[in-house]
PDB file of N, CA and C in Angstrom:
ATOM      1  N   UNK A   1    -160.097-156.608 301.167  1.00  0.00           N
ATOM      2  CA  UNK A   1    -160.851-157.586 300.401  1.00  0.00           C
ATOM      3  C   UNK A   1    -159.885-158.210 299.374  1.00  0.00           C
ATOM      4  N   UNK A   2    -159.825-159.532 299.253  1.00  0.00           N
ATOM      5  CA  UNK A   2    -158.924-160.178 298.297  1.00  0.00           C
ATOM      6  C   UNK A   2    -159.244-159.788 296.855  1.00  0.00           C
ATOM      7  N   UNK A   3    -158.230-159.469 296.082  1.00  0.00           N
ATOM      8  CA  UNK A   3    -158.398-159.115 294.682  1.00  0.00           C
ATOM      9  C   UNK A   3    -158.717-157.661 294.437  1.00  0.00           C
ATOM     10  N   UNK A   4    -158.972-156.893 295.475  1.00  0.00           N
ATOM     11  CA  UNK A   4    -159.274-155.470 295.316  1.00  0.00           C
ATOM     12  C   UNK A   4    -157.972-154.688 295.442  1.00  0.00           C
ATOM     13  N   UNK A   5    -157.475-154.247 294.303  1.00  0.00           N
ATOM     14  CA  UNK A   5    -156.219-153.516 294.286  1.00  0.00           C
ATOM     15  C   UNK A   5    -156.425-152.008 294.287  1.00  0.00           C
ATOM     16  N   UNK A   6    -157.663-151.570 294.361  1.00  0.00           N
ATOM     17  CA  UNK A   6    -157.936-150.147 294.393  1.00  0.00           C
ATOM     18  C   UNK A   6    -157.710-149.452 293.063  1.00  0.00           C
ATOM     19  N   UNK A   7    -157.767-150.205 291.953  1.00  0.00           N
ATOM     20  CA  UNK A   7    -157.537-149.623 290.628  1.00  0.00           C
ATOM     21  C   UNK A   7    -158.819-148.974 290.134  1.00  0.00           C
ATOM     22  N   UNK A   8    -158.890-147.671 290.200  1.00  0.00           N
ATOM     23  CA  UNK A   8    -160.037-146.903 289.726  1.00  0.00           C
ATOM     24  C   UNK A   8    -159.532-145.541 289.238  1.00  0.00           C
ATOM     25  N   UNK A   9    -158.813-145.519 288.096  1.00  0.00           N
ATOM     26  CA  UNK A   9    -158.191-144.271 287.659  1.00  0.00           C
ATOM     27  C   UNK A   9    -159.193-143.181 287.285  1.00  0.00           C
ATOM     28  N   UNK A  10    -160.396-143.540 286.890  1.00  0.00           N
ATOM     29  CA  UNK A  10    -161.382-142.525 286.515  1.00  0.00           C
ATOM     30  C   UNK A  10    -162.290-142.127 287.672  1.00  0.00           C
ATOM     31  N   UNK A  11    -162.145-142.787 288.806  1.00  0.00           N
ATOM     32  CA  UNK A  11    -162.952-142.442 289.971  1.00  0.00           C
ATOM     33  C   UNK A  11    -164.411-142.827 289.833  1.00  0.00           C
ATOM     34  N   UNK A  12    -164.695-143.905 289.128  1.00  0.00           N
ATOM     35  CA  UNK A  12    -166.080-144.316 288.901  1.00  0.00           C
ATOM     36  C   UNK A  12    -166.736-144.912 290.141  1.00  0.00           C
ATOM     37  N   UNK A  13    -165.948-145.395 291.081  1.00  0.00           N
ATOM     38  CA  UNK A  13    -166.501-146.026 292.280  1.00  0.00           C
ATOM     39  C   UNK A  13    -166.712-145.038 293.426  1.00  0.00           C
ATOM     40  N   UNK A  14    -166.257-143.808 293.257  1.00  0.00           N
ATOM     41  CA  UNK A  14    -166.399-142.825 294.338  1.00  0.00           C
ATOM     42  C   UNK A  14    -167.870-142.500 294.563  1.00  0.00           C
ATOM     43  N   UNK A  15    -168.267-142.518 295.826  1.00  0.00           N
ATOM     44  CA  UNK A  15    -169.626-142.151 296.181  1.00  0.00           C
ATOM     45  C   UNK A  15    -170.641-143.274 296.008  1.00  0.00           C
ATOM     46  N   UNK A  16    -170.199-144.457 295.660  1.00  0.00           N
ATOM     47  CA  UNK A  16    -171.120-145.578 295.493  1.00  0.00           C
ATOM     48  C   UNK A  16    -171.016-146.483 296.714  1.00  0.00           C
ATOM     49  N   UNK A  17    -172.158-147.027 297.101  1.00  0.00           N
ATOM     50  CA  UNK A  17    -172.168-147.922 298.256  1.00  0.00           C
ATOM     51  C   UNK A  17    -171.631-149.298 297.866  1.00  0.00           C
ATOM     52  N   UNK A  18    -171.371-150.096 298.874  1.00  0.00           N
ATOM     53  CA  UNK A  18    -170.856-151.444 298.647  1.00  0.00           C
ATOM     54  C   UNK A  18    -171.864-152.280 297.864  1.00  0.00           C
ATOM     55  N   UNK A  19    -173.136-152.124 298.156  1.00  0.00           N
ATOM     56  CA  UNK A  19    -174.171-152.887 297.437  1.00  0.00           C
ATOM     57  C   UNK A  19    -174.233-152.476 295.968  1.00  0.00           C
ATOM     58  N   UNK A  20    -174.086-151.189 295.693  1.00  0.00           N
ATOM     59  CA  UNK A  20    -174.072-150.723 294.301  1.00  0.00           C
ATOM     60  C   UNK A  20    -172.895-151.318 293.541  1.00  0.00           C
ATOM     61  N   UNK A  21    -171.716-151.331 294.180  1.00  0.00           N
ATOM     62  CA  UNK A  21    -170.525-151.881 293.532  1.00  0.00           C
ATOM     63  C   UNK A  21    -170.661-153.382 293.294  1.00  0.00           C
ATOM     64  N   UNK A  22    -171.293-154.096 294.224  1.00  0.00           N
ATOM     65  CA  UNK A  22    -171.520-155.530 294.036  1.00  0.00           C
ATOM     66  C   UNK A  22    -172.450-155.767 292.839  1.00  0.00           C
ATOM     67  N   UNK A  23    -173.468-154.936 292.709  1.00  0.00           N
ATOM     68  CA  UNK A  23    -174.388-155.057 291.581  1.00  0.00           C
ATOM     69  C   UNK A  23    -173.704-154.796 290.246  1.00  0.00           C
ATOM     70  N   UNK A  24    -172.856-153.773 290.209  1.00  0.00           N
ATOM     71  CA  UNK A  24    -172.128-153.445 288.987  1.00  0.00           C
ATOM     72  C   UNK A  24    -171.168-154.572 288.624  1.00  0.00           C
ATOM     73  N   UNK A  25    -170.483-155.127 289.607  1.00  0.00           N
ATOM     74  CA  UNK A  25    -169.559-156.244 289.350  1.00  0.00           C
ATOM     75  C   UNK A  25    -170.306-157.466 288.826  1.00  0.00           C
ATOM     76  N   UNK A  26    -171.500-157.744 289.386  1.00  0.00           N
ATOM     77  CA  UNK A  26    -172.283-158.895 288.941  1.00  0.00           C
ATOM     78  C   UNK A  26    -172.762-158.698 287.499  1.00  0.00           C
ATOM     79  N   UNK A  27    -173.155-157.483 287.145  1.00  0.00           N
ATOM     80  CA  UNK A  27    -173.564-157.208 285.762  1.00  0.00           C
ATOM     81  C   UNK A  27    -172.408-157.418 284.796  1.00  0.00           C
ATOM     82  N   UNK A  28    -171.230-156.967 285.176  1.00  0.00           N
ATOM     83  CA  UNK A  28    -170.053-157.124 284.317  1.00  0.00           C
ATOM     84  C   UNK A  28    -169.665-158.591 284.187  1.00  0.00           C
ATOM     85  N   UNK A  29    -169.780-159.332 285.268  1.00  0.00           N
ATOM     86  CA  UNK A  29    -169.499-160.767 285.235  1.00  0.00           C
ATOM     87  C   UNK A  29    -170.480-161.489 284.315  1.00  0.00           C
ATOM     88  N   UNK A  30    -171.747-161.125 284.376  1.00  0.00           N
ATOM     89  CA  UNK A  30    -172.748-161.738 283.498  1.00  0.00           C
ATOM     90  C   UNK A  30    -172.498-161.390 282.035  1.00  0.00           C
ATOM     91  N   UNK A  31    -172.043-160.166 281.756  1.00  0.00           N
ATOM     92  CA  UNK A  31    -171.689-159.799 280.377  1.00  0.00           C
ATOM     93  C   UNK A  31    -170.557-160.673 279.857  1.00  0.00           C
ATOM     94  N   UNK A  32    -169.557-160.918 280.686  1.00  0.00           N
ATOM     95  CA  UNK A  32    -168.443-161.782 280.294  1.00  0.00           C
ATOM     96  C   UNK A  32    -168.893-163.205 280.037  1.00  0.00           C
ATOM     97  N   UNK A  33    -169.791-163.702 280.867  1.00  0.00           N
ATOM     98  CA  UNK A  33    -170.310-165.060 280.672  1.00  0.00           C
ATOM     99  C   UNK A  33    -171.086-165.160 279.362  1.00  0.00           C
ATOM    100  N   UNK A  34    -171.892-164.155 279.060  1.00  0.00           N
ATOM    101  CA  UNK A  34    -172.661-164.170 277.818  1.00  0.00           C
ATOM    102  C   UNK A  34    -171.736-164.121 276.608  1.00  0.00           C
ATOM    103  N   UNK A  35    -170.658-163.357 276.705  1.00  0.00           N
ATOM    104  CA  UNK A  35    -169.688-163.289 275.606  1.00  0.00           C
ATOM    105  C   UNK A  35    -169.031-164.646 275.386  1.00  0.00           C
ATOM    106  N   UNK A  36    -168.719-165.362 276.467  1.00  0.00           N
ATOM    107  CA  UNK A  36    -168.114-166.686 276.324  1.00  0.00           C
ATOM    108  C   UNK A  36    -169.084-167.673 275.683  1.00  0.00           C
ATOM    109  N   UNK A  37    -170.367-167.590 276.030  1.00  0.00           N
ATOM    110  CA  UNK A  37    -171.373-168.462 275.411  1.00  0.00           C
ATOM    111  C   UNK A  37    -171.500-168.142 273.926  1.00  0.00           C
ATOM    112  N   UNK A  38    -171.458-166.853 273.571  1.00  0.00           N
ATOM    113  CA  UNK A  38    -171.560-166.460 272.165  1.00  0.00           C
ATOM    114  C   UNK A  38    -170.377-166.978 271.355  1.00  0.00           C
ATOM    115  N   UNK A  39    -169.175-166.883 271.900  1.00  0.00           N
ATOM    116  CA  UNK A  39    -167.995-167.390 271.200  1.00  0.00           C
ATOM    117  C   UNK A  39    -168.079-168.901 271.050  1.00  0.00           C
ATOM    118  N   UNK A  40    -168.546-169.599 272.089  1.00  0.00           N
ATOM    119  CA  UNK A  40    -168.690-171.056 272.000  1.00  0.00           C
ATOM    120  C   UNK A  40    -169.706-171.429 270.918  1.00  0.00           C
ATOM    121  N   UNK A  41    -170.775-170.648 270.777  1.00  0.00           N
ATOM    122  CA  UNK A  41    -171.760-170.912 269.733  1.00  0.00           C
ATOM    123  C   UNK A  41    -171.164-170.695 268.346  1.00  0.00           C
ATOM    124  N   UNK A  42    -170.337-169.671 268.197  1.00  0.00           N
ATOM    125  CA  UNK A  42    -169.695-169.422 266.909  1.00  0.00           C
ATOM    126  C   UNK A  42    -168.742-170.562 266.549  1.00  0.00           C
ATOM    127  N   UNK A  43    -167.989-171.046 267.520  1.00  0.00           N
ATOM    128  CA  UNK A  43    -167.080-172.166 267.280  1.00  0.00           C
ATOM    129  C   UNK A  43    -167.878-173.412 266.915  1.00  0.00           C
ATOM    130  N   UNK A  44    -168.978-173.649 267.624  1.00  0.00           N
ATOM    131  CA  UNK A  44    -169.841-174.791 267.310  1.00  0.00           C
ATOM    132  C   UNK A  44    -170.418-174.705 265.911  1.00  0.00           C
ATOM    133  N   UNK A  45    -170.795-173.502 265.489  1.00  0.00           N
ATOM    134  CA  UNK A  45    -171.317-173.314 264.133  1.00  0.00           C
ATOM    135  C   UNK A  45    -170.252-173.633 263.097  1.00  0.00           C
ATOM    136  N   UNK A  46    -169.025-173.199 263.342  1.00  0.00           N
ATOM    137  CA  UNK A  46    -167.950-173.491 262.401  1.00  0.00           C
ATOM    138  C   UNK A  46    -167.678-174.989 262.332  1.00  0.00           C
ATOM    139  N   UNK A  47    -167.690-175.653 263.481  1.00  0.00           N
ATOM    140  CA  UNK A  47    -167.440-177.097 263.491  1.00  0.00           C
ATOM    141  C   UNK A  47    -168.571-177.861 262.814  1.00  0.00           C
ATOM    142  N   UNK A  48    -169.799-177.390 262.977  1.00  0.00           N
ATOM    143  CA  UNK A  48    -170.959-178.074 262.410  1.00  0.00           C
ATOM    144  C   UNK A  48    -171.071-177.887 260.905  1.00  0.00           C
ATOM    145  N   UNK A  49    -170.880-176.672 260.434  1.00  0.00           N
ATOM    146  CA  UNK A  49    -171.077-176.375 259.014  1.00  0.00           C
ATOM    147  C   UNK A  49    -169.801-176.457 258.202  1.00  0.00           C
ATOM    148  N   UNK A  50    -168.662-176.290 258.834  1.00  0.00           N
ATOM    149  CA  UNK A  50    -167.398-176.271 258.113  1.00  0.00           C
ATOM    150  C   UNK A  50    -167.125-174.953 257.423  1.00  0.00           C
ATOM    151  N   UNK A  51    -167.986-173.969 257.633  1.00  0.00           N
ATOM    152  CA  UNK A  51    -167.805-172.650 257.023  1.00  0.00           C
ATOM    153  C   UNK A  51    -167.227-171.709 258.059  1.00  0.00           C
ATOM    154  N   UNK A  52    -166.143-171.055 257.717  1.00  0.00           N
ATOM    155  CA  UNK A  52    -165.521-170.086 258.601  1.00  0.00           C
ATOM    156  C   UNK A  52    -166.489-168.933 258.824  1.00  0.00           C
ATOM    157  N   UNK A  53    -166.796-168.625 260.075  1.00  0.00           N
ATOM    158  CA  UNK A  53    -167.780-167.594 260.391  1.00  0.00           C
ATOM    159  C   UNK A  53    -167.367-166.243 259.820  1.00  0.00           C
ATOM    160  N   UNK A  54    -166.126-165.866 259.978  1.00  0.00           N
ATOM    161  CA  UNK A  54    -165.693-164.554 259.499  1.00  0.00           C
ATOM    162  C   UNK A  54    -165.697-164.483 257.978  1.00  0.00           C
ATOM    163  N   UNK A  55    -165.235-165.519 257.314  1.00  0.00           N
ATOM    164  CA  UNK A  55    -165.278-165.508 255.850  1.00  0.00           C
ATOM    165  C   UNK A  55    -166.720-165.545 255.358  1.00  0.00           C
ATOM    166  N   UNK A  56    -167.587-166.262 256.064  1.00  0.00           N
ATOM    167  CA  UNK A  56    -168.996-166.323 255.688  1.00  0.00           C
ATOM    168  C   UNK A  56    -169.676-164.977 255.833  1.00  0.00           C
ATOM    169  N   UNK A  57    -169.337-164.248 256.900  1.00  0.00           N
ATOM    170  CA  UNK A  57    -169.913-162.920 257.083  1.00  0.00           C
ATOM    171  C   UNK A  57    -169.468-161.983 255.970  1.00  0.00           C
ATOM    172  N   UNK A  58    -168.211-162.066 255.593  1.00  0.00           N
ATOM    173  CA  UNK A  58    -167.715-161.208 254.520  1.00  0.00           C
ATOM    174  C   UNK A  58    -168.367-161.577 253.199  1.00  0.00           C
ATOM    175  N   UNK A  59    -168.630-162.867 253.000  1.00  0.00           N
ATOM    176  CA  UNK A  59    -169.224-163.310 251.747  1.00  0.00           C
ATOM    177  C   UNK A  59    -170.672-162.863 251.613  1.00  0.00           C
ATOM    178  N   UNK A  60    -171.356-162.716 252.731  1.00  0.00           N
ATOM    179  CA  UNK A  60    -172.764-162.337 252.664  1.00  0.00           C
ATOM    180  C   UNK A  60    -172.971-160.868 252.321  1.00  0.00           C
ATOM    181  N   UNK A  61    -171.939-160.070 252.439  1.00  0.00           N
ATOM    182  CA  UNK A  61    -172.027-158.687 251.983  1.00  0.00           C
ATOM    183  C   UNK A  61    -171.942-158.715 250.465  1.00  0.00           C
ATOM    184  N   UNK A  62    -173.037-158.409 249.808  1.00  0.00           N
ATOM    185  CA  UNK A  62    -173.120-158.604 248.359  1.00  0.00           C
ATOM    186  C   UNK A  62    -172.058-157.831 247.592  1.00  0.00           C
ATOM    187  N   UNK A  63    -171.645-156.708 248.082  1.00  0.00           N
ATOM    188  CA  UNK A  63    -170.650-155.925 247.376  1.00  0.00           C
ATOM    189  C   UNK A  63    -169.264-156.535 247.426  1.00  0.00           C
ATOM    190  N   UNK A  64    -169.047-157.494 248.320  1.00  0.00           N
ATOM    191  CA  UNK A  64    -167.719-158.059 248.484  1.00  0.00           C
ATOM    192  C   UNK A  64    -167.587-159.444 247.868  1.00  0.00           C
ATOM    193  N   UNK A  65    -168.577-159.931 247.138  1.00  0.00           N
ATOM    194  CA  UNK A  65    -168.503-161.294 246.617  1.00  0.00           C
ATOM    195  C   UNK A  65    -167.357-161.476 245.640  1.00  0.00           C
ATOM    196  N   UNK A  66    -167.165-160.541 244.743  1.00  0.00           N
ATOM    197  CA  UNK A  66    -166.084-160.692 243.782  1.00  0.00           C
ATOM    198  C   UNK A  66    -164.728-160.571 244.474  1.00  0.00           C
ATOM    199  N   UNK A  67    -164.642-159.711 245.483  1.00  0.00           N
ATOM    200  CA  UNK A  67    -163.385-159.589 246.228  1.00  0.00           C
ATOM    201  C   UNK A  67    -163.083-160.855 246.999  1.00  0.00           C
ATOM    202  N   UNK A  68    -164.129-161.498 247.546  1.00  0.00           N
ATOM    203  CA  UNK A  68    -163.913-162.707 248.327  1.00  0.00           C
ATOM    204  C   UNK A  68    -163.408-163.840 247.456  1.00  0.00           C
ATOM    205  N   UNK A  69    -163.915-163.941 246.239  1.00  0.00           N
ATOM    206  CA  UNK A  69    -163.460-164.997 245.347  1.00  0.00           C
ATOM    207  C   UNK A  69    -161.960-164.841 245.061  1.00  0.00           C
ATOM    208  N   UNK A  70    -161.522-163.614 244.889  1.00  0.00           N
ATOM    209  CA  UNK A  70    -160.105-163.370 244.645  1.00  0.00           C
ATOM    210  C   UNK A  70    -159.278-163.668 245.893  1.00  0.00           C
ATOM    211  N   UNK A  71    -159.824-163.373 247.080  1.00  0.00           N
ATOM    212  CA  UNK A  71    -159.103-163.626 248.321  1.00  0.00           C
ATOM    213  C   UNK A  71    -158.992-165.119 248.611  1.00  0.00           C
ATOM    214  N   UNK A  72    -159.960-165.922 248.135  1.00  0.00           N
ATOM    215  CA  UNK A  72    -159.955-167.361 248.402  1.00  0.00           C
ATOM    216  C   UNK A  72    -158.795-168.052 247.701  1.00  0.00           C
ATOM    217  N   UNK A  73    -158.409-167.552 246.562  1.00  0.00           N
ATOM    218  CA  UNK A  73    -157.324-168.186 245.814  1.00  0.00           C
ATOM    219  C   UNK A  73    -156.037-168.061 246.608  1.00  0.00           C
ATOM    220  N   UNK A  74    -155.463-169.185 246.990  1.00  0.00           N
ATOM    221  CA  UNK A  74    -154.213-169.188 247.726  1.00  0.00           C
ATOM    222  C   UNK A  74    -154.360-168.941 249.216  1.00  0.00           C
ATOM    223  N   UNK A  75    -155.590-168.950 249.726  1.00  0.00           N
ATOM    224  CA  UNK A  75    -155.795-168.748 251.158  1.00  0.00           C
ATOM    225  C   UNK A  75    -155.302-169.965 251.926  1.00  0.00           C
ATOM    226  N   UNK A  76    -155.020-169.777 253.195  1.00  0.00           N
ATOM    227  CA  UNK A  76    -154.535-170.876 254.029  1.00  0.00           C
ATOM    228  C   UNK A  76    -155.573-171.993 254.074  1.00  0.00           C
ATOM    229  N   UNK A  77    -156.839-171.630 254.292  1.00  0.00           N
ATOM    230  CA  UNK A  77    -157.919-172.612 254.319  1.00  0.00           C
ATOM    231  C   UNK A  77    -158.812-172.362 253.110  1.00  0.00           C
ATOM    232  N   UNK A  78    -158.289-172.673 251.951  1.00  0.00           N
ATOM    233  CA  UNK A  78    -158.982-172.362 250.699  1.00  0.00           C
ATOM    234  C   UNK A  78    -160.311-173.096 250.589  1.00  0.00           C
ATOM    235  N   UNK A  79    -160.403-174.311 251.111  1.00  0.00           N
ATOM    236  CA  UNK A  79    -161.637-175.087 251.021  1.00  0.00           C
ATOM    237  C   UNK A  79    -162.762-174.416 251.804  1.00  0.00           C
ATOM    238  N   UNK A  80    -162.486-173.976 253.037  1.00  0.00           N
ATOM    239  CA  UNK A  80    -163.501-173.303 253.850  1.00  0.00           C
ATOM    240  C   UNK A  80    -163.895-171.981 253.218  1.00  0.00           C
ATOM    241  N   UNK A  81    -162.930-171.293 252.648  1.00  0.00           N
ATOM    242  CA  UNK A  81    -163.200-170.013 252.009  1.00  0.00           C
ATOM    243  C   UNK A  81    -164.110-170.211 250.802  1.00  0.00           C
ATOM    244  N   UNK A  82    -163.856-171.237 250.013  1.00  0.00           N
ATOM    245  CA  UNK A  82    -164.686-171.475 248.837  1.00  0.00           C
ATOM    246  C   UNK A  82    -166.084-171.924 249.231  1.00  0.00           C
ATOM    247  N   UNK A  83    -166.209-172.697 250.317  1.00  0.00           N
ATOM    248  CA  UNK A  83    -167.550-173.088 250.804  1.00  0.00           C
ATOM    249  C   UNK A  83    -168.332-171.870 251.254  1.00  0.00           C
ATOM    250  N   UNK A  84    -167.658-170.916 251.908  1.00  0.00           N
ATOM    251  CA  UNK A  84    -168.318-169.688 252.331  1.00  0.00           C
ATOM    252  C   UNK A  84    -168.780-168.895 251.121  1.00  0.00           C
ATOM    253  N   UNK A  85    -167.966-168.857 250.090  1.00  0.00           N
ATOM    254  CA  UNK A  85    -168.333-168.145 248.879  1.00  0.00           C
ATOM    255  C   UNK A  85    -169.544-168.811 248.219  1.00  0.00           C
ATOM    256  N   UNK A  86    -169.546-170.144 248.131  1.00  0.00           N
ATOM    257  CA  UNK A  86    -170.667-170.857 247.529  1.00  0.00           C
ATOM    258  C   UNK A  86    -171.945-170.669 248.331  1.00  0.00           C
ATOM    259  N   UNK A  87    -171.829-170.664 249.658  1.00  0.00           N
ATOM    260  CA  UNK A  87    -172.996-170.445 250.517  1.00  0.00           C
ATOM    261  C   UNK A  87    -173.557-169.041 250.308  1.00  0.00           C
ATOM    262  N   UNK A  88    -172.680-168.066 250.126  1.00  0.00           N
ATOM    263  CA  UNK A  88    -173.137-166.702 249.893  1.00  0.00           C
ATOM    264  C   UNK A  88    -173.842-166.583 248.548  1.00  0.00           C
ATOM    265  N   UNK A  89    -173.342-167.267 247.541  1.00  0.00           N
ATOM    266  CA  UNK A  89    -173.984-167.240 246.228  1.00  0.00           C
ATOM    267  C   UNK A  89    -175.365-167.890 246.304  1.00  0.00           C
ATOM    268  N   UNK A  90    -175.481-168.967 247.078  1.00  0.00           N
ATOM    269  CA  UNK A  90    -176.760-169.679 247.199  1.00  0.00           C
ATOM    270  C   UNK A  90    -177.820-168.830 247.888  1.00  0.00           C
ATOM    271  N   UNK A  91    -177.429-167.907 248.771  1.00  0.00           N
ATOM    272  CA  UNK A  91    -178.400-167.079 249.484  1.00  0.00           C
ATOM    273  C   UNK A  91    -178.907-165.909 248.656  1.00  0.00           C
ATOM    274  N   UNK A  92    -178.274-165.633 247.549  1.00  0.00           N
ATOM    275  CA  UNK A  92    -178.687-164.483 246.737  1.00  0.00           C
ATOM    276  C   UNK A  92    -179.939-164.758 245.963  1.00  0.00           C
TER     277      UNK A  92
END
């Protein structure tokens, strides 16, 4: 079969039928597709709002607000970092 290199170091495919293996492969393929859609949504959110998703998540943790303000000073994208900080303050 093309692409089947027989790589199964843990022996997870032993004793499984061809139909079972096809089902497992399809589930894994669907998981990968869902992950790609999730990443595309995160990128779209960043483009739409202008707020860095990762900096915004860190800002929403209330215990890290003062740390985030210090990290924003001199950051590569200081404007996005400060917008994330302001958005976090507004949600409190």
